[in-house]
């Protein structure tokens, strides 16, 4: 009997050791972060209801721009569709933006405007989680900014948290630690315009910023990520909301979905202490051509493959020799139109390009070459041109990205 007990005890010990070694040496699953989104449009349109509806499975919380303090324009309160937000039901952060050009501001007036909007939104039935102050403060202005934050925090109700948008340029400031102690939480902005070549995100630099930031804050924090493009003007000002036709002649800045996906994967595999989640800038509307489509944003968040897929659309006329052609983005990510689309073994008499393409001569193929760039959203199509051919086009094609 004693021998059996010893054998049982030894077996149990080996089993526990084996399980412990399995836990110790098995790679842990990567962390999935909370996903939130900024609603930054200054004018609410008929596109917002559908965008909010489609975004519900993706984002737990909405951070909505409610007001802006500007040195020339003064204080602007934006008319938010509060009934729509109440119906949506998700927690909301009121975002108050202080323009970076502000050299001074009246703390009492800023606080009064914030309190007024909080009361209006609460009266409208919005579930308020907190107030976020978005101020691209010069580092030298941080002491004054601290005074505002401290005064605001003292008057906020206990159920309303205070958050700040933090800049990487503050990382070496001796005032940053105190600022982060005043706020209940914060959002580190890692997208930046360093140069047109670097685009909106330098991943290696952003990783370094996040590590530095995590060492300085004792409160939970989020990271703001870009899901849009911008234009850089001749004097290096950034236009993120100007329509594309207005921004002609400017240098386009963007960030690829794959770059962001790789950065998120790094964060999930090496989660910094205190990092709670990601806040995306900004909620895409159907007419917002600078923002990624919601389909692309979802693909990045859900870790789907980010490879473009192209389909050729061939429409035959009543005249059986006449065809209209278009290229369709059948994948999950927005992608630039291909540089060249080749239909091999196409016996065509005449052809002409349309929209962003022109026809190039080919002895036994029909070739469409891109003459102007365009980002084609997932699910959208763009005309290639037309062709008159001796035989029906079969749909075989090759793409040169």
Protein backbone atom coordinates (compact mmCIF):
# COMPACT_ATOMS: atom_id res chain seq x y z
CA UNK A 1 0.00 0.00 0.00
CA UNK A 2 2.86 2.35 0.89
CA UNK A 3 4.56 1.51 -2.43
CA UNK A 4 1.39 2.40 -4.35
CA UNK A 5 1.16 5.74 -2.56
CA UNK A 6 4.75 6.52 -3.45
CA UNK A 7 4.17 5.65 -7.09
CA UNK A 8 1.02 7.81 -7.15
CA UNK A 9 2.81 10.74 -5.51
CA UNK A 10 5.72 10.47 -7.94
CA UNK A 11 3.36 10.34 -10.91
CA UNK A 12 1.45 13.37 -9.65
CA UNK A 13 4.71 15.27 -9.16
CA UNK A 14 5.87 14.46 -12.71
CA UNK A 15 2.49 15.51 -14.08
CA UNK A 16 2.66 18.87 -12.28
CA UNK A 17 6.24 19.44 -13.40
CA UNK A 18 5.32 18.63 -16.98
CA UNK A 19 2.37 21.03 -16.91
CA UNK A 20 4.53 23.74 -15.37
CA UNK A 21 7.19 23.33 -18.05
CA UNK A 22 4.48 23.42 -20.73
CA UNK A 23 3.17 26.74 -19.39
CA UNK A 24 6.69 28.12 -19.00
CA UNK A 25 7.93 27.31 -22.49
CA UNK A 26 4.75 27.54 -24.55
CA UNK A 27 4.56 30.97 -26.26
CA UNK A 28 1.74 32.99 -24.76
CA UNK A 29 -1.04 34.11 -27.06
CA UNK A 30 -0.72 37.70 -28.13
CA UNK A 31 -2.91 40.23 -26.36
CA UNK A 32 -5.90 41.79 -28.11
CA UNK A 33 -6.48 45.42 -27.20
CA UNK A 34 -9.67 47.38 -26.69
CA UNK A 35 -10.58 49.27 -29.89
CA UNK A 36 -12.05 52.78 -29.81
CA UNK A 37 -12.56 55.43 -32.48
CA UNK A 38 -12.53 59.20 -32.87
CA UNK A 39 -15.45 60.94 -34.58
CA UNK A 40 -13.75 64.08 -35.82
CA UNK A 41 -16.10 65.51 -38.41
CA UNK A 42 -17.06 69.09 -37.65
CA UNK A 43 -20.26 68.70 -39.65
CA UNK A 44 -22.48 65.68 -39.11
CA UNK A 45 -24.09 64.33 -42.28
CA UNK A 46 -26.52 61.67 -43.47
CA UNK A 47 -23.53 59.30 -43.74
CA UNK A 48 -23.02 59.11 -39.96
CA UNK A 49 -25.90 56.70 -39.11
CA UNK A 50 -24.63 53.98 -41.45
CA UNK A 51 -21.01 54.49 -40.38
CA UNK A 52 -21.97 54.17 -36.70
CA UNK A 53 -24.09 51.10 -37.37
CA UNK A 54 -21.30 49.33 -39.25
CA UNK A 55 -18.72 50.32 -36.63
CA UNK A 56 -20.56 48.77 -33.68
CA UNK A 57 -18.87 45.34 -33.86
CA UNK A 58 -15.43 46.99 -34.05
CA UNK A 59 -15.31 49.79 -31.48
CA UNK A 60 -16.32 49.71 -27.83
CA UNK A 61 -16.22 53.47 -27.28
CA UNK A 62 -16.67 56.71 -29.23
CA UNK A 63 -14.49 59.78 -28.72
CA UNK A 64 -16.36 62.69 -30.25
CA UNK A 65 -15.01 66.14 -31.10
CA UNK A 66 -17.42 68.54 -29.43
CA UNK A 67 -15.60 71.88 -29.44
CA UNK A 68 -12.48 73.70 -30.53
CA UNK A 69 -10.65 76.71 -29.10
CA UNK A 70 -8.81 78.60 -31.84
CA UNK A 71 -6.82 81.88 -31.73
CA UNK A 72 -8.56 83.31 -34.82
CA UNK A 73 -11.90 81.50 -34.92
CA UNK A 74 -12.55 81.67 -31.18
CA UNK A 75 -14.58 78.96 -29.49
CA UNK A 76 -16.61 76.70 -31.76
CA UNK A 77 -19.18 74.19 -30.52
CA UNK A 78 -19.90 71.50 -33.11
CA UNK A 79 -23.47 70.35 -33.62
CA UNK A 80 -23.34 66.65 -32.78
CA UNK A 81 -26.30 64.40 -33.55
CA UNK A 82 -26.96 63.61 -29.89
CA UNK A 83 -30.12 61.59 -30.58
CA UNK A 84 -28.12 59.32 -32.87
CA UNK A 85 -25.39 58.92 -30.25
CA UNK A 86 -27.95 58.17 -27.54
CA UNK A 87 -29.51 55.52 -29.78
CA UNK A 88 -26.07 54.05 -30.45
CA UNK A 89 -25.60 53.55 -26.71
CA UNK A 90 -21.84 53.17 -26.56
CA UNK A 91 -19.81 55.07 -23.94
CA UNK A 92 -18.69 58.49 -25.17
CA UNK A 93 -15.73 60.76 -24.46
CA UNK A 94 -16.26 64.46 -25.11
CA UNK A 95 -13.14 65.73 -26.89
CA UNK A 96 -12.24 69.41 -26.52
CA UNK A 97 -9.53 70.54 -28.91
CA UNK A 98 -7.24 73.44 -28.04
CA UNK A 99 -5.47 74.55 -31.20
CA UNK A 100 -1.69 74.31 -30.99
CA UNK A 101 -1.42 77.94 -32.16
CA UNK A 102 -2.99 79.18 -28.92
CA UNK A 103 -0.43 81.20 -27.00
CA UNK A 104 -2.71 81.68 -24.01
CA UNK A 105 -6.19 80.68 -22.92
CA UNK A 106 -8.59 81.54 -20.13
CA UNK A 107 -8.82 78.45 -17.92
CA UNK A 108 -12.16 79.46 -16.45
CA UNK A 109 -13.75 80.01 -19.87
CA UNK A 110 -12.42 76.70 -21.22
CA UNK A 111 -13.79 74.84 -18.20
CA UNK A 112 -17.16 76.59 -18.46
CA UNK A 113 -17.53 75.61 -22.13
CA UNK A 114 -16.67 71.99 -21.30
CA UNK A 115 -19.13 71.89 -18.41
CA UNK A 116 -21.85 73.39 -20.61
CA UNK A 117 -21.40 70.71 -23.28
CA UNK A 118 -21.25 67.95 -20.67
CA UNK A 119 -24.61 69.10 -19.29
CA UNK A 120 -26.14 69.25 -22.78
CA UNK A 121 -24.93 65.78 -23.71
CA UNK A 122 -26.01 64.28 -20.39
CA UNK A 123 -29.44 65.87 -20.77
CA UNK A 124 -29.65 64.31 -24.26
CA UNK A 125 -29.16 60.87 -22.70
CA UNK A 126 -25.60 60.21 -23.86
CA UNK A 127 -23.57 57.76 -21.76
CA UNK A 128 -20.55 59.89 -20.89
CA UNK A 129 -17.31 58.22 -19.84
CA UNK A 130 -15.07 61.26 -19.70
CA UNK A 131 -13.52 64.38 -21.18
CA UNK A 132 -10.44 64.31 -23.38
CA UNK A 133 -8.35 67.44 -23.91
CA UNK A 134 -6.55 67.45 -27.24
CA UNK A 135 -3.88 70.14 -27.12
CA UNK A 136 -0.72 69.98 -29.23
CA UNK A 137 1.03 72.11 -26.68
CA UNK A 138 4.59 73.28 -27.27
CA UNK A 139 6.74 71.66 -24.60
CA UNK A 140 7.49 75.08 -23.09
CA UNK A 141 3.74 75.57 -22.49
CA UNK A 142 3.27 72.42 -20.40
CA UNK A 143 3.40 74.24 -17.03
CA UNK A 144 0.44 76.43 -18.08
CA UNK A 145 -1.35 73.38 -19.45
CA UNK A 146 -0.90 71.61 -16.11
CA UNK A 147 -2.75 74.44 -14.38
CA UNK A 148 -5.74 74.03 -16.70
CA UNK A 149 -5.84 70.24 -16.29
CA UNK A 150 -5.61 70.45 -12.52
CA UNK A 151 -8.44 72.99 -12.32
CA UNK A 152 -10.62 70.97 -14.72
CA UNK A 153 -10.05 67.71 -12.87
CA UNK A 154 -11.18 69.29 -9.60
CA UNK A 155 -14.59 70.29 -10.97
CA UNK A 156 -15.42 67.17 -12.98
CA UNK A 157 -17.98 64.80 -11.44
CA UNK A 158 -16.43 61.64 -9.99
CA UNK A 159 -17.98 59.48 -12.73
CA UNK A 160 -16.40 61.60 -15.49
CA UNK A 161 -12.76 60.74 -16.14
CA UNK A 162 -10.14 63.12 -17.53
CA UNK A 163 -7.93 62.12 -20.44
CA UNK A 164 -5.28 64.01 -22.41
CA UNK A 165 -3.77 63.51 -25.82
CA UNK A 166 -0.01 63.27 -25.34
CA UNK A 167 2.72 64.06 -27.85
CA UNK A 168 6.09 62.31 -28.26
CA UNK A 169 7.77 65.73 -28.13
CA UNK A 170 6.87 65.88 -24.44
CA UNK A 171 8.79 62.73 -23.53
CA UNK A 172 11.91 64.59 -22.39
CA UNK A 173 10.00 67.23 -20.43
CA UNK A 174 10.29 67.17 -16.62
CA UNK A 175 6.62 68.22 -16.52
CA UNK A 176 5.24 65.15 -18.32
CA UNK A 177 5.15 62.86 -15.28
CA UNK A 178 3.08 65.37 -13.31
CA UNK A 179 0.72 65.92 -16.24
CA UNK A 180 0.12 62.18 -16.47
CA UNK A 181 -0.54 61.98 -12.74
CA UNK A 182 -3.27 64.64 -13.00
CA UNK A 183 -5.11 62.88 -15.83
CA UNK A 184 -6.92 59.60 -15.13
CA UNK A 185 -5.83 58.21 -18.47
CA UNK A 186 -4.14 59.41 -21.66
CA UNK A 187 -3.82 58.80 -25.39
CA UNK A 188 -0.33 58.79 -26.91
CA UNK A 189 -0.29 60.04 -30.48
CA UNK A 190 2.39 58.13 -32.40
CA UNK A 191 1.52 59.27 -35.92
CA UNK A 192 3.53 62.28 -36.96
CA UNK A 193 4.68 64.10 -40.06
CA UNK A 194 8.45 63.82 -40.04
CA UNK A 195 8.85 63.80 -43.82
CA UNK A 196 6.83 62.82 -46.91
CA UNK A 197 9.13 59.82 -47.30
CA UNK A 198 8.36 58.51 -43.79
CA UNK A 199 4.62 59.05 -44.20
CA UNK A 200 2.38 59.21 -41.15
CA UNK A 201 4.01 56.49 -39.06
CA UNK A 202 7.62 55.52 -38.48
CA UNK A 203 7.09 52.17 -36.76
CA UNK A 204 10.54 51.85 -35.19
CA UNK A 205 10.33 55.38 -33.81
CA UNK A 206 6.79 54.78 -32.55
CA UNK A 207 7.93 51.63 -30.72
CA UNK A 208 10.62 53.64 -28.96
CA UNK A 209 8.13 56.37 -28.00
CA UNK A 210 5.69 53.83 -26.54
CA UNK A 211 8.41 52.23 -24.39
CA UNK A 212 9.50 55.63 -23.05
CA UNK A 213 5.93 56.66 -22.39
CA UNK A 214 5.03 53.46 -20.53
CA UNK A 215 7.92 54.10 -18.14
CA UNK A 216 6.61 57.58 -17.29
CA UNK A 217 2.91 57.00 -16.70
CA UNK A 218 1.35 55.24 -13.73
CA UNK A 219 -2.16 55.34 -15.21
CA UNK A 220 -3.71 53.29 -18.03
CA UNK A 221 -3.13 54.70 -21.49
CA UNK A 222 -4.16 54.24 -25.11
CA UNK A 223 -2.37 54.74 -28.42
CA UNK A 224 -3.92 56.77 -31.25
CA UNK A 225 -3.39 55.24 -34.69
CA UNK A 226 -3.94 56.82 -38.12
CA UNK A 227 -6.41 55.35 -40.59
CA UNK A 228 -6.33 58.18 -43.10
CA UNK A 229 -4.20 60.11 -45.56
CA UNK A 230 -3.05 63.73 -45.48
CA UNK A 231 -1.67 66.31 -47.85
CA UNK A 232 1.45 68.33 -47.11
CA UNK A 233 1.25 71.91 -48.36
CA UNK A 234 4.15 73.89 -49.78
CA UNK A 235 4.76 75.44 -46.34
CA UNK A 236 4.60 71.99 -44.65
CA UNK A 237 1.16 72.44 -43.13
CA UNK A 238 -0.88 69.24 -42.92
CA UNK A 239 -4.35 69.06 -44.46
CA UNK A 240 -6.09 65.91 -43.23
CA UNK A 241 -9.66 66.89 -44.02
CA UNK A 242 -9.35 68.87 -47.26
CA UNK A 243 -11.10 67.13 -50.17
CA UNK A 244 -8.76 65.49 -52.65
CA UNK A 245 -9.64 67.93 -55.42
CA UNK A 246 -8.69 70.83 -53.12
CA UNK A 247 -5.41 69.16 -52.26
CA UNK A 248 -4.20 68.82 -55.85
CA UNK A 249 -0.60 69.95 -56.13
CA UNK A 250 0.13 68.99 -52.53
CA UNK A 251 2.32 66.07 -51.53
CA UNK A 252 0.19 63.17 -50.36
CA UNK A 253 1.02 61.48 -47.07
CA UNK A 254 -0.37 58.13 -46.05
CA UNK A 255 0.28 54.99 -44.07
CA UNK A 256 -0.22 51.51 -45.43
CA UNK A 257 -2.56 49.09 -43.65
CA UNK A 258 0.29 46.57 -43.50
CA UNK A 259 2.53 49.04 -41.65
CA UNK A 260 -0.16 49.59 -39.03
CA UNK A 261 -0.93 45.87 -38.80
CA UNK A 262 2.74 45.07 -38.18
CA UNK A 263 2.92 47.76 -35.49
CA UNK A 264 -0.17 46.36 -33.75
CA UNK A 265 1.28 42.86 -33.89
CA UNK A 266 4.43 44.15 -32.21
CA UNK A 267 2.36 45.77 -29.44
CA UNK A 268 0.34 42.60 -28.92
CA UNK A 269 3.44 40.46 -28.67
CA UNK A 270 5.31 42.97 -26.49
CA UNK A 271 2.53 44.75 -24.57
CA UNK A 272 3.83 47.82 -22.71
CA UNK A 273 2.82 48.10 -19.09
CA UNK A 274 -0.43 50.05 -18.76
CA UNK A 275 -1.45 49.96 -22.43
CA UNK A 276 -5.23 49.43 -22.51
CA UNK A 277 -6.13 49.80 -26.14
CA UNK A 278 -6.05 51.64 -29.45
CA UNK A 279 -8.01 54.68 -30.60
CA UNK A 280 -8.40 55.03 -34.36
CA UNK A 281 -8.38 58.38 -36.10
CA UNK A 282 -10.97 58.58 -37.53
CA UNK A 283 -14.42 57.03 -38.12
CA UNK A 284 -14.63 56.57 -41.91
CA UNK A 285 -17.59 57.99 -43.78
CA UNK A 286 -18.53 56.85 -47.28
CA UNK A 287 -17.61 60.25 -48.74
CA UNK A 288 -14.38 60.71 -46.77
CA UNK A 289 -11.84 59.81 -49.43
CA UNK A 290 -8.87 60.49 -47.17
CA UNK A 291 -9.93 57.94 -44.56
CA UNK A 292 -9.51 54.21 -44.98
CA UNK A 293 -12.75 52.42 -45.74
CA UNK A 294 -14.36 50.64 -42.80
CA UNK A 295 -13.71 47.35 -44.63
CA UNK A 296 -9.97 48.03 -44.57
CA UNK A 297 -10.05 49.15 -40.95
CA UNK A 298 -11.89 45.97 -39.99
CA UNK A 299 -9.38 43.80 -41.87
CA UNK A 300 -6.50 45.39 -39.96
CA UNK A 301 -8.23 45.08 -36.58
CA UNK A 302 -9.28 41.47 -37.19
CA UNK A 303 -5.82 40.47 -38.44
CA UNK A 304 -7.09 39.44 -41.87
CA UNK A 305 -4.70 39.00 -44.83
CA UNK A 306 -3.95 42.40 -46.34
CA UNK A 307 -3.24 41.34 -49.91
CA UNK A 308 -5.06 43.25 -52.70
CA UNK A 309 -7.31 41.19 -54.99
CA UNK A 310 -8.34 42.46 -58.40
CA UNK A 311 -11.20 41.42 -60.67
CA UNK A 312 -11.78 42.35 -64.30
CA UNK A 313 -15.30 43.42 -65.23
CA UNK A 314 -16.21 42.93 -68.90
CA UNK A 315 -19.55 44.23 -70.16
CA UNK A 316 -20.54 43.20 -73.70
CA UNK A 317 -22.73 45.57 -75.74
CA UNK A 318 -25.58 44.61 -78.04
CA UNK A 319 -22.91 44.92 -80.71
CA UNK A 320 -21.15 41.67 -79.77
CA UNK A 321 -17.73 42.99 -80.77
CA UNK A 322 -17.87 45.99 -78.41
CA UNK A 323 -16.84 45.71 -74.77
CA UNK A 324 -16.57 48.05 -71.76
CA UNK A 325 -13.92 47.14 -69.20
CA UNK A 326 -13.39 48.05 -65.55
CA UNK A 327 -11.10 46.96 -62.73
CA UNK A 328 -12.63 46.05 -59.35
CA UNK A 329 -10.97 45.91 -55.94
CA UNK A 330 -12.35 42.58 -54.70
CA UNK A 331 -10.13 42.40 -51.62
CA UNK A 332 -10.57 43.68 -48.08
CA UNK A 333 -8.13 46.58 -48.24
CA UNK A 334 -8.05 49.85 -50.13
CA UNK A 335 -5.27 49.80 -52.69
CA UNK A 336 -3.73 52.02 -55.40
CA UNK A 337 -4.91 51.29 -58.91
CA UNK A 338 -2.50 48.89 -60.66
CA UNK A 339 0.12 50.49 -62.89
CA UNK A 340 -0.70 48.15 -65.74
CA UNK A 341 -3.44 45.67 -66.66
CA UNK A 342 -2.75 43.23 -69.48
CA UNK A 343 -5.27 41.06 -71.31
CA UNK A 344 -3.21 38.44 -73.18
CA UNK A 345 -4.39 36.88 -76.44
CA UNK A 346 -6.89 39.67 -77.03
CA UNK A 347 -7.62 40.03 -80.74
CA UNK A 348 -8.90 43.62 -80.79
CA UNK A 349 -9.22 46.11 -83.64
CA UNK A 350 -9.63 49.33 -81.67
CA UNK A 351 -9.47 50.31 -78.00
CA UNK A 352 -9.28 53.41 -75.86
CA UNK A 353 -8.69 54.08 -72.18
CA UNK A 354 -10.93 55.88 -69.72
CA UNK A 355 -10.62 57.63 -66.39
CA UNK A 356 -7.15 56.81 -65.00
CA UNK A 357 -5.97 54.59 -67.89
CA UNK A 358 -4.83 54.81 -71.47
CA UNK A 359 -4.30 52.02 -73.99
CA UNK A 360 -0.78 50.95 -74.92
CA UNK A 361 -0.14 49.08 -78.16
CA UNK A 362 0.46 45.33 -77.98
CA UNK A 363 0.87 42.82 -80.79
CA UNK A 364 -1.35 40.12 -79.26
CA UNK A 365 -2.55 41.69 -76.03
CA UNK A 366 -4.73 44.53 -74.80
CA UNK A 367 -2.75 46.74 -72.41
CA UNK A 368 -4.10 49.46 -70.11
CA UNK A 369 -1.48 51.70 -68.46
CA UNK A 370 -2.29 53.97 -65.53
CA UNK A 371 -1.80 57.67 -66.25
CA UNK A 372 -3.04 59.09 -62.92
CA UNK A 373 -3.10 57.67 -59.41
CA UNK A 374 -6.16 56.82 -57.36
CA UNK A 375 -6.78 54.84 -54.21
CA UNK A 376 -9.56 52.35 -54.92
CA UNK A 377 -11.59 51.36 -51.90
CA UNK A 378 -12.41 47.74 -51.16
CA UNK A 379 -15.45 46.72 -53.19
CA UNK A 380 -15.25 49.66 -55.62
CA UNK A 381 -14.50 49.57 -59.34
CA UNK A 382 -12.91 52.00 -61.79
CA UNK A 383 -13.31 52.18 -65.60
CA UNK A 384 -10.45 50.96 -67.80
CA UNK A 385 -11.87 51.80 -71.21
CA UNK A 386 -13.51 50.09 -74.16
CA UNK A 387 -12.42 47.75 -76.93
CA UNK A 388 -13.74 46.44 -80.25
CA UNK A 389 -12.52 42.89 -80.72
CA UNK A 390 -12.85 40.11 -83.30
CA UNK A 391 -13.74 37.57 -80.63
CA UNK A 392 -15.26 37.60 -77.15
CA UNK A 393 -12.87 38.62 -74.36
CA UNK A 394 -12.39 35.68 -71.99
CA UNK A 395 -11.50 37.59 -68.83
CA UNK A 396 -7.93 36.38 -68.43
CA UNK A 397 -5.72 39.25 -67.24
CA UNK A 398 -2.45 40.06 -65.50
CA UNK A 399 -1.78 42.91 -63.10
CA UNK A 400 1.43 44.89 -62.57
CA UNK A 401 1.08 46.69 -59.22
